[in-house]
Amino acid sequence: MPVVVDGSPLTVDDVIAVAYRRKKAEPGDNLDERMEPARLLVERVVANDETVYGITTGLGALSNTRISPEQASDLQYDLLRSHAAGVGALLEPELVRAMLLCRARTLAQGHSGVRADVVRYLLTLLDEDILP
């Protein structure tokens, strides 16, 4: 039986099973319903040009800088790119698998404003053993 990722808590046994024993993790049946409200909220904020930190404003020292609806997508890509770096030795594959599972679970809670497809993609990476 696979570990179901739907935003509910994972057990230590769930994480160990996926990370070390390659147990399959799959999205829960209610994933779209759980995640859609926050996604729609982000879309509304951008469409209405509302002021929301990190969505329609810059980050940190640039938090007073307004981001236009046309630039909002670029801001999110730039944020990802700014964090897409690593230093030091690679982590053990099992630790990466555990982190992917935990990130998928956190996003599946539905508070981040991302699409459910992001969770599905992370779970596909796990299933295919493609580790960043």
Protein backbone atom coordinates (compact mmCIF):
# COMPACT_ATOMS: atom_id res chain seq x y z
CA MET A 1 0.00 0.00 0.00
CA PRO A 2 1.55 3.36 -1.02
CA VAL A 3 2.09 6.33 1.25
CA VAL A 4 -0.68 8.82 0.48
CA VAL A 5 0.38 12.46 0.26
CA ASP A 6 -2.63 14.67 0.85
CA GLY A 7 -1.40 17.21 3.38
CA SER A 8 -2.14 15.10 6.43
CA PRO A 9 0.79 14.31 8.72
CA LEU A 10 3.35 11.73 7.67
CA THR A 11 4.71 9.29 10.20
CA VAL A 12 8.39 8.60 10.69
CA ASP A 13 7.68 5.12 9.34
CA ASP A 14 6.17 6.68 6.17
CA VAL A 15 9.28 8.76 5.56
CA ILE A 16 11.64 5.85 6.21
CA ALA A 17 9.63 3.55 3.95
CA VAL A 18 9.74 6.00 1.03
CA ALA A 19 13.30 7.21 1.60
CA TYR A 20 15.05 3.94 2.38
CA ARG A 21 12.79 1.17 1.11
CA ARG A 22 11.58 2.98 -2.04
CA LYS A 23 7.94 2.57 -1.09
CA LYS A 24 5.69 4.38 -3.56
CA ALA A 25 4.14 7.71 -2.54
CA GLU A 26 1.09 8.91 -4.40
CA PRO A 27 -1.17 11.96 -4.27
CA GLY A 28 -4.35 11.74 -2.25
CA ASP A 29 -7.76 11.84 -3.90
CA ASN A 30 -8.56 15.28 -2.46
CA LEU A 31 -5.30 16.96 -3.49
CA ASP A 32 -6.82 19.33 -6.06
CA GLU A 33 -9.66 20.37 -3.75
CA ARG A 34 -7.25 21.01 -0.89
CA MET A 35 -4.79 23.06 -2.94
CA GLU A 36 -7.04 24.96 -5.35
CA PRO A 37 -8.36 27.66 -2.95
CA ALA A 38 -4.87 29.01 -2.17
CA ARG A 39 -3.92 28.84 -5.85
CA LEU A 40 -7.01 30.85 -6.79
CA LEU A 41 -6.20 33.36 -4.05
CA VAL A 42 -2.74 33.95 -5.52
CA GLU A 43 -4.24 34.39 -8.99
CA ARG A 44 -6.80 36.87 -7.61
CA VAL A 45 -4.13 38.86 -5.75
CA VAL A 46 -2.07 39.17 -8.94
CA ALA A 47 -5.07 39.96 -11.17
CA ASN A 48 -6.33 42.66 -8.77
CA ASP A 49 -2.82 44.06 -8.24
CA GLU A 50 -3.21 43.71 -4.46
CA THR A 51 -0.19 44.22 -2.22
CA VAL A 52 1.01 40.89 -0.85
CA TYR A 53 4.60 40.33 0.25
CA GLY A 54 6.54 38.13 -2.14
CA ILE A 55 3.74 37.94 -4.69
CA THR A 56 3.24 41.53 -5.73
CA THR A 57 6.18 43.00 -3.83
CA GLY A 58 9.87 42.30 -3.84
CA LEU A 59 11.50 40.34 -1.05
CA GLY A 60 13.62 41.45 1.91
CA ALA A 61 15.11 44.89 1.34
CA LEU A 62 12.97 45.16 -1.80
CA SER A 63 9.70 44.55 0.04
CA ASN A 64 8.56 48.11 -0.70
CA THR A 65 9.06 47.58 -4.44
CA ARG A 66 5.79 46.85 -6.22
CA ILE A 67 5.72 44.07 -8.77
CA SER A 68 3.26 44.48 -11.62
CA PRO A 69 0.92 41.62 -12.56
CA GLU A 70 3.00 41.18 -15.70
CA GLN A 71 6.18 40.76 -13.60
CA ALA A 72 4.69 38.50 -10.89
CA SER A 73 5.52 35.30 -12.74
CA ASP A 74 9.09 36.49 -13.37
CA LEU A 75 9.51 37.17 -9.64
CA GLN A 76 8.61 33.57 -8.81
CA TYR A 77 11.02 32.18 -11.42
CA ASP A 78 13.76 34.49 -10.17
CA LEU A 79 13.12 33.30 -6.61
CA LEU A 80 13.51 29.67 -7.69
CA ARG A 81 16.67 30.43 -9.62
CA SER A 82 18.19 32.32 -6.71
CA HIS A 83 17.78 29.23 -4.52
CA ALA A 84 18.92 26.72 -7.16
CA ALA A 85 22.48 26.40 -5.95
CA GLY A 86 24.34 24.02 -3.76
CA VAL A 87 27.70 23.78 -2.07
CA GLY A 88 29.60 20.98 -0.44
CA ALA A 89 29.17 17.26 -0.81
CA LEU A 90 26.01 15.79 -2.26
CA LEU A 91 23.49 14.51 0.25
CA GLU A 92 22.79 10.82 0.55
CA PRO A 93 20.02 9.78 -1.88
CA GLU A 94 17.85 8.63 1.02
CA LEU A 95 17.98 12.10 2.58
CA VAL A 96 17.02 13.71 -0.71
CA ARG A 97 14.11 11.27 -1.04
CA ALA A 98 12.98 12.10 2.50
CA MET A 99 13.15 15.83 1.77
CA LEU A 100 11.20 15.48 -1.49
CA LEU A 101 8.48 13.56 0.33
CA CYS A 102 8.31 16.11 3.15
CA ARG A 103 8.22 19.03 0.70
CA ALA A 104 5.41 17.33 -1.25
CA ARG A 105 3.48 16.84 1.97
CA THR A 106 3.97 20.46 3.05
CA LEU A 107 2.79 21.79 -0.31
CA ALA A 108 -0.15 19.35 -0.28
CA GLN A 109 -1.48 21.09 2.82
CA GLY A 110 -2.72 23.77 0.46
CA HIS A 111 -1.24 26.90 2.05
CA SER A 112 1.47 27.73 -0.51
CA GLY A 113 -0.63 28.76 -3.49
CA VAL A 114 1.03 26.29 -5.85
CA ARG A 115 -0.75 23.99 -8.25
CA ALA A 116 -1.43 20.38 -7.27
CA ASP A 117 0.69 19.42 -10.28
CA VAL A 118 3.77 20.55 -8.33
CA VAL A 119 3.08 17.86 -5.72
CA ARG A 120 2.42 15.29 -8.43
CA TYR A 121 5.71 16.22 -10.10
CA LEU A 122 7.68 15.82 -6.86
CA LEU A 123 6.07 12.42 -6.32
CA THR A 124 6.95 11.44 -9.90
CA LEU A 125 10.57 12.37 -9.19
CA LEU A 126 10.46 10.06 -6.18
CA ASP A 127 8.79 7.26 -8.12
CA GLU A 128 11.36 7.50 -10.93
CA ASP A 129 14.22 7.98 -8.44
CA ILE A 130 15.22 11.26 -10.09
CA LEU A 131 16.92 13.17 -7.31
CA PRO A 132 18.00 16.82 -7.49
